[in-house]
Amino acid sequence: MTTNKTNSVTSHNSSFKLAKFGQRTNFGRFGEGIYTSATSSKANDYVVSLSSAATRAILLNYVVMGKTIKMTSNQSDLKEPPTGYDSVVGEPGGDLNYDESIVYDNDAIRPIFLVIYEDV
């Protein structure tokens, strides 16, 4: 059995919860938000196996970004996007190796597919 280290998925699998942010797996480069990435290898880095099975899982999500601000350096004190913006896009370069998209509203993201795959 495997699980994604992102503890933000609710038990109903209908949304995510910012309240779970304190259970994060890293320092939260762009603060207290819900993090996604279009780069599957970045998502794979956050999967942890609870057994010796090679099976892994990643959630594909609908994310409503609204007006985005692009950032390349850490802003770990954010609790919401900067004034005038709805979300943050972390672009590779500066402090980032891979893209990240961060929303700060539980209603801005919905899981749509669970992808099960094998780590070979």
N, C-alpha and C. Protein backbone atom coordinates (compact mmCIF):
# COMPACT_ATOMS: atom_id res chain seq x y z
N MET A 1 0.84 -1.17 0.00
CA MET A 1 0.00 0.00 0.00
C MET A 1 0.89 1.24 0.00
N THR A 2 0.50 2.26 -0.76
CA THR A 2 1.26 3.51 -0.77
C THR A 2 0.33 4.65 -0.45
N THR A 3 0.92 5.74 -0.07
CA THR A 3 0.14 6.94 0.18
C THR A 3 0.93 8.15 -0.30
N ASN A 4 0.24 9.20 -0.63
CA ASN A 4 0.89 10.44 -0.97
C ASN A 4 1.13 11.19 0.33
N LYS A 5 2.30 11.77 0.50
CA LYS A 5 2.63 12.48 1.73
C LYS A 5 1.79 13.74 1.92
N THR A 6 1.12 14.20 0.89
CA THR A 6 0.28 15.38 1.03
C THR A 6 -0.94 15.00 1.85
N ASN A 7 -0.99 15.47 3.07
CA ASN A 7 -2.05 15.11 4.00
C ASN A 7 -3.27 15.99 3.85
N SER A 8 -3.41 16.67 2.73
CA SER A 8 -4.48 17.63 2.54
C SER A 8 -5.78 17.04 2.02
N VAL A 9 -5.79 15.79 1.60
CA VAL A 9 -6.99 15.21 1.03
C VAL A 9 -7.98 14.89 2.15
N THR A 10 -9.21 15.28 1.99
CA THR A 10 -10.20 14.99 3.02
C THR A 10 -10.62 13.53 2.94
N SER A 11 -11.29 13.06 3.97
CA SER A 11 -11.73 11.67 3.97
C SER A 11 -12.81 11.43 2.93
N HIS A 12 -13.46 12.50 2.47
CA HIS A 12 -14.51 12.36 1.45
C HIS A 12 -13.94 12.40 0.05
N ASN A 13 -12.66 12.73 -0.08
CA ASN A 13 -12.00 12.87 -1.37
C ASN A 13 -12.73 13.85 -2.29
N SER A 14 -13.35 14.86 -1.72
CA SER A 14 -14.07 15.83 -2.53
C SER A 14 -13.32 17.16 -2.64
N SER A 15 -12.38 17.38 -1.77
CA SER A 15 -11.64 18.63 -1.79
C SER A 15 -10.36 18.44 -0.99
N PHE A 16 -9.69 19.54 -0.72
CA PHE A 16 -8.48 19.55 0.08
C PHE A 16 -8.71 20.48 1.25
N LYS A 17 -7.90 20.38 2.27
CA LYS A 17 -8.08 21.23 3.44
C LYS A 17 -6.80 21.93 3.81
N LEU A 18 -6.86 23.26 3.79
CA LEU A 18 -5.71 24.04 4.21
C LEU A 18 -5.38 23.80 5.68
N ALA A 19 -6.37 23.41 6.48
CA ALA A 19 -6.14 23.16 7.90
C ALA A 19 -5.11 22.06 8.12
N LYS A 20 -4.91 21.19 7.15
CA LYS A 20 -3.93 20.11 7.25
C LYS A 20 -2.53 20.59 6.90
N PHE A 21 -2.37 21.86 6.56
CA PHE A 21 -1.09 22.37 6.09
C PHE A 21 0.04 22.10 7.07
N GLY A 22 -0.21 22.17 8.36
CA GLY A 22 0.83 21.94 9.35
C GLY A 22 1.43 20.55 9.28
N GLN A 23 0.81 19.65 8.54
CA GLN A 23 1.31 18.29 8.39
C GLN A 23 2.09 18.16 7.08
N ARG A 24 2.65 19.24 6.62
CA ARG A 24 3.35 19.27 5.34
C ARG A 24 4.63 18.44 5.37
N THR A 25 5.16 18.23 4.19
CA THR A 25 6.37 17.41 4.04
C THR A 25 7.60 18.25 3.74
N ASN A 26 7.42 19.56 3.59
CA ASN A 26 8.57 20.44 3.37
C ASN A 26 8.29 21.77 4.06
N PHE A 27 9.08 22.77 3.79
CA PHE A 27 8.95 24.04 4.51
C PHE A 27 7.87 24.96 3.95
N GLY A 28 7.22 24.61 2.86
CA GLY A 28 6.18 25.47 2.31
C GLY A 28 6.76 26.71 1.66
N ARG A 29 7.42 26.51 0.55
CA ARG A 29 8.15 27.58 -0.15
C ARG A 29 7.32 28.84 -0.35
N PHE A 30 6.01 28.67 -0.61
CA PHE A 30 5.13 29.82 -0.83
C PHE A 30 4.03 29.88 0.23
N GLY A 31 4.35 29.46 1.43
CA GLY A 31 3.45 29.61 2.55
C GLY A 31 2.40 28.53 2.68
N GLU A 32 1.33 28.88 3.36
CA GLU A 32 0.28 27.93 3.74
C GLU A 32 -0.77 27.78 2.65
N GLY A 33 -0.43 27.04 1.63
CA GLY A 33 -1.35 26.83 0.51
C GLY A 33 -1.44 25.38 0.14
N ILE A 34 -2.21 25.11 -0.89
CA ILE A 34 -2.34 23.77 -1.45
C ILE A 34 -1.49 23.74 -2.71
N TYR A 35 -0.49 22.87 -2.71
CA TYR A 35 0.52 22.82 -3.76
C TYR A 35 0.19 21.75 -4.80
N THR A 36 0.34 22.11 -6.07
CA THR A 36 0.23 21.16 -7.17
C THR A 36 1.36 21.43 -8.14
N SER A 37 1.56 20.49 -9.07
CA SER A 37 2.58 20.66 -10.09
C SER A 37 2.14 19.94 -11.35
N ALA A 38 2.47 20.50 -12.49
CA ALA A 38 2.21 19.83 -13.77
C ALA A 38 3.30 18.82 -14.08
N THR A 39 4.34 18.78 -13.25
CA THR A 39 5.47 17.88 -13.46
C THR A 39 5.28 16.63 -12.60
N SER A 40 4.98 15.52 -13.25
CA SER A 40 4.68 14.29 -12.51
C SER A 40 5.87 13.81 -11.68
N SER A 41 7.10 14.04 -12.13
CA SER A 41 8.26 13.59 -11.35
C SER A 41 8.38 14.36 -10.03
N LYS A 42 7.93 15.61 -10.01
CA LYS A 42 7.91 16.37 -8.75
C LYS A 42 6.89 15.75 -7.80
N ALA A 43 5.71 15.44 -8.30
CA ALA A 43 4.69 14.80 -7.47
C ALA A 43 5.20 13.45 -6.95
N ASN A 44 5.89 12.72 -7.80
CA ASN A 44 6.42 11.42 -7.41
C ASN A 44 7.40 11.54 -6.23
N ASP A 45 8.10 12.66 -6.13
CA ASP A 45 9.03 12.87 -5.02
C ASP A 45 8.33 12.91 -3.67
N TYR A 46 7.01 13.16 -3.66
CA TYR A 46 6.27 13.26 -2.41
C TYR A 46 5.48 12.00 -2.07
N VAL A 47 5.68 10.95 -2.83
CA VAL A 47 5.01 9.68 -2.57
C VAL A 47 5.89 8.85 -1.65
N VAL A 48 5.28 8.26 -0.63
CA VAL A 48 6.03 7.41 0.28
C VAL A 48 5.36 6.04 0.31
N SER A 49 6.14 5.01 0.28
CA SER A 49 5.61 3.65 0.30
C SER A 49 5.50 3.17 1.73
N LEU A 50 4.37 2.56 2.06
CA LEU A 50 4.17 1.98 3.38
C LEU A 50 4.44 0.49 3.40
N SER A 51 4.86 -0.04 2.26
CA SER A 51 5.19 -1.47 2.16
C SER A 51 6.26 -1.63 1.09
N SER A 52 6.59 -2.86 0.79
CA SER A 52 7.60 -3.12 -0.24
C SER A 52 7.02 -3.10 -1.66
N ALA A 53 5.73 -2.89 -1.80
CA ALA A 53 5.10 -2.85 -3.12
C ALA A 53 5.61 -1.65 -3.92
N ALA A 54 5.72 -1.83 -5.23
CA ALA A 54 6.19 -0.76 -6.11
C ALA A 54 5.04 0.12 -6.60
N THR A 55 3.82 -0.15 -6.19
CA THR A 55 2.65 0.60 -6.63
C THR A 55 2.62 1.97 -5.95
N ARG A 56 2.34 2.99 -6.75
CA ARG A 56 2.24 4.36 -6.25
C ARG A 56 0.97 5.01 -6.77
N ALA A 57 0.63 6.17 -6.21
CA ALA A 57 -0.58 6.87 -6.63
C ALA A 57 -0.34 8.37 -6.68
N ILE A 58 -0.93 9.01 -7.67
CA ILE A 58 -0.90 10.47 -7.80
C ILE A 58 -2.33 10.93 -8.12
N LEU A 59 -2.75 12.03 -7.51
CA LEU A 59 -4.04 12.62 -7.83
C LEU A 59 -3.88 13.66 -8.94
N LEU A 60 -4.75 13.58 -9.94
CA LEU A 60 -4.87 14.65 -10.93
C LEU A 60 -6.03 15.51 -10.49
N ASN A 61 -5.88 16.82 -10.59
CA ASN A 61 -6.86 17.74 -10.02
C ASN A 61 -7.28 18.83 -11.00
N TYR A 62 -8.50 19.30 -10.83
CA TYR A 62 -8.91 20.56 -11.43
C TYR A 62 -8.48 21.64 -10.45
N VAL A 63 -7.78 22.65 -10.95
CA VAL A 63 -7.34 23.75 -10.10
C VAL A 63 -7.76 25.05 -10.76
N VAL A 64 -8.52 25.85 -10.05
CA VAL A 64 -8.94 27.16 -10.54
C VAL A 64 -7.93 28.17 -10.00
N MET A 65 -7.11 28.71 -10.89
CA MET A 65 -6.01 29.58 -10.48
C MET A 65 -6.39 31.06 -10.40
N GLY A 66 -7.38 31.48 -11.20
CA GLY A 66 -7.71 32.90 -11.23
C GLY A 66 -6.54 33.72 -11.73
N LYS A 67 -6.36 34.90 -11.17
CA LYS A 67 -5.24 35.77 -11.55
C LYS A 67 -4.00 35.31 -10.77
N THR A 68 -2.96 34.94 -11.51
CA THR A 68 -1.75 34.39 -10.89
C THR A 68 -0.62 35.41 -10.84
N ILE A 69 0.24 35.23 -9.86
CA ILE A 69 1.49 35.97 -9.80
C ILE A 69 2.61 34.94 -9.90
N LYS A 70 3.60 35.22 -10.73
CA LYS A 70 4.72 34.30 -10.91
C LYS A 70 5.85 34.68 -9.96
N MET A 71 6.39 33.65 -9.28
CA MET A 71 7.49 33.86 -8.34
C MET A 71 8.57 32.82 -8.58
N THR A 72 9.82 33.22 -8.33
CA THR A 72 10.93 32.28 -8.46
C THR A 72 11.73 32.15 -7.17
N SER A 73 11.40 32.96 -6.15
CA SER A 73 12.12 32.87 -4.88
C SER A 73 11.15 32.65 -3.73
N ASN A 74 11.65 32.10 -2.66
CA ASN A 74 10.83 31.72 -1.51
C ASN A 74 10.05 32.90 -0.92
N GLN A 75 8.80 32.62 -0.58
CA GLN A 75 7.92 33.55 0.14
C GLN A 75 7.17 32.73 1.18
N SER A 76 7.89 32.07 2.07
CA SER A 76 7.30 31.07 2.96
C SER A 76 6.36 31.65 4.01
N ASP A 77 6.27 32.96 4.15
CA ASP A 77 5.37 33.56 5.13
C ASP A 77 3.96 33.83 4.58
N LEU A 78 3.70 33.50 3.32
CA LEU A 78 2.38 33.75 2.73
C LEU A 78 1.30 32.90 3.40
N LYS A 79 0.16 33.51 3.68
CA LYS A 79 -1.03 32.80 4.15
C LYS A 79 -2.15 32.95 3.12
N GLU A 80 -1.90 33.79 2.13
CA GLU A 80 -2.81 34.04 1.02
C GLU A 80 -1.97 34.63 -0.10
N PRO A 81 -2.51 34.67 -1.31
CA PRO A 81 -1.72 35.27 -2.39
C PRO A 81 -1.57 36.78 -2.14
N PRO A 82 -0.56 37.39 -2.75
CA PRO A 82 -0.41 38.84 -2.62
C PRO A 82 -1.67 39.57 -3.08
N THR A 83 -1.89 40.75 -2.54
CA THR A 83 -3.07 41.56 -2.87
C THR A 83 -3.20 41.71 -4.39
N GLY A 84 -4.43 41.48 -4.87
CA GLY A 84 -4.71 41.61 -6.30
C GLY A 84 -4.56 40.31 -7.07
N TYR A 85 -4.16 39.22 -6.39
CA TYR A 85 -3.96 37.92 -7.04
C TYR A 85 -4.76 36.84 -6.33
N ASP A 86 -5.03 35.76 -7.08
CA ASP A 86 -5.80 34.64 -6.54
C ASP A 86 -4.92 33.43 -6.21
N SER A 87 -3.74 33.36 -6.80
CA SER A 87 -2.87 32.20 -6.61
C SER A 87 -1.44 32.56 -6.97
N VAL A 88 -0.54 31.62 -6.67
CA VAL A 88 0.88 31.81 -6.96
C VAL A 88 1.34 30.69 -7.89
N VAL A 89 2.16 31.05 -8.88
CA VAL A 89 2.82 30.08 -9.74
C VAL A 89 4.31 30.20 -9.47
N GLY A 90 4.88 29.12 -8.95
CA GLY A 90 6.32 29.08 -8.74
C GLY A 90 6.98 28.59 -10.01
N GLU A 91 7.81 29.42 -10.61
CA GLU A 91 8.47 29.07 -11.87
C GLU A 91 9.88 28.58 -11.62
N PRO A 92 10.32 27.58 -12.39
CA PRO A 92 11.70 27.11 -12.25
C PRO A 92 12.69 28.25 -12.48
N GLY A 93 13.78 28.16 -11.77
CA GLY A 93 14.77 29.23 -11.77
C GLY A 93 14.81 29.79 -10.36
N GLY A 94 15.84 30.47 -10.01
CA GLY A 94 15.93 30.96 -8.64
C GLY A 94 15.96 29.79 -7.67
N ASP A 95 14.97 29.71 -6.79
CA ASP A 95 14.92 28.66 -5.77
C ASP A 95 14.25 27.37 -6.23
N LEU A 96 13.66 27.35 -7.42
CA LEU A 96 12.85 26.20 -7.86
C LEU A 96 13.49 25.41 -9.00
N ASN A 97 13.38 24.10 -8.90
CA ASN A 97 13.80 23.22 -10.00
C ASN A 97 12.62 22.82 -10.88
N TYR A 98 11.41 22.79 -10.31
CA TYR A 98 10.20 22.38 -11.02
C TYR A 98 9.10 23.39 -10.77
N ASP A 99 8.09 23.38 -11.63
CA ASP A 99 6.96 24.27 -11.48
C ASP A 99 6.13 23.88 -10.25
N GLU A 100 5.47 24.86 -9.66
CA GLU A 100 4.50 24.64 -8.59
C GLU A 100 3.37 25.62 -8.80
N SER A 101 2.16 25.19 -8.50
CA SER A 101 1.00 26.08 -8.49
C SER A 101 0.39 25.99 -7.10
N ILE A 102 0.13 27.16 -6.49
CA ILE A 102 -0.35 27.18 -5.12
C ILE A 102 -1.64 27.99 -5.05
N VAL A 103 -2.67 27.36 -4.48
CA VAL A 103 -3.92 28.05 -4.21
C VAL A 103 -4.09 28.11 -2.69
N TYR A 104 -4.85 29.09 -2.23
CA TYR A 104 -4.99 29.33 -0.80
C TYR A 104 -6.45 29.22 -0.36
N ASP A 105 -7.26 28.59 -1.20
CA ASP A 105 -8.69 28.44 -0.94
C ASP A 105 -9.06 26.98 -1.20
N ASN A 106 -9.65 26.32 -0.21
CA ASN A 106 -10.05 24.92 -0.34
C ASN A 106 -10.93 24.67 -1.56
N ASP A 107 -11.74 25.65 -1.92
CA ASP A 107 -12.69 25.47 -3.02
C ASP A 107 -12.06 25.65 -4.40
N ALA A 108 -10.77 25.98 -4.47
CA ALA A 108 -10.11 26.21 -5.75
C ALA A 108 -9.55 24.93 -6.37
N ILE A 109 -9.71 23.79 -5.69
CA ILE A 109 -9.11 22.55 -6.19
C ILE A 109 -10.04 21.37 -5.92
N ARG A 110 -10.13 20.49 -6.91
CA ARG A 110 -10.94 19.27 -6.78
C ARG A 110 -10.19 18.12 -7.43
N PRO A 111 -10.07 16.99 -6.72
CA PRO A 111 -9.47 15.81 -7.35
C PRO A 111 -10.40 15.26 -8.42
N ILE A 112 -9.83 14.84 -9.56
CA ILE A 112 -10.67 14.27 -10.62
C ILE A 112 -10.27 12.85 -10.99
N PHE A 113 -8.98 12.53 -10.90
CA PHE A 113 -8.52 11.18 -11.23
C PHE A 113 -7.47 10.73 -10.22
N LEU A 114 -7.50 9.46 -9.90
CA LEU A 114 -6.45 8.84 -9.12
C LEU A 114 -5.67 7.96 -10.07
N VAL A 115 -4.40 8.25 -10.26
CA VAL A 115 -3.55 7.49 -11.17
C VAL A 115 -2.70 6.53 -10.34
N ILE A 116 -2.83 5.25 -10.61
CA ILE A 116 -2.04 4.21 -9.94
C ILE A 116 -0.96 3.78 -10.92
N TYR A 117 0.28 3.72 -10.44
CA TYR A 117 1.38 3.33 -11.33
C TYR A 117 2.43 2.55 -10.54
N GLU A 118 3.34 1.94 -11.27
CA GLU A 118 4.41 1.14 -10.66
C GLU A 118 5.72 1.89 -10.79
N ASP A 119 6.47 1.90 -9.72
CA ASP A 119 7.80 2.49 -9.72
C ASP A 119 8.78 1.42 -10.17
N VAL A 120 9.36 1.61 -11.34
CA VAL A 120 10.28 0.58 -11.89
C VAL A 120 11.70 1.08 -11.91
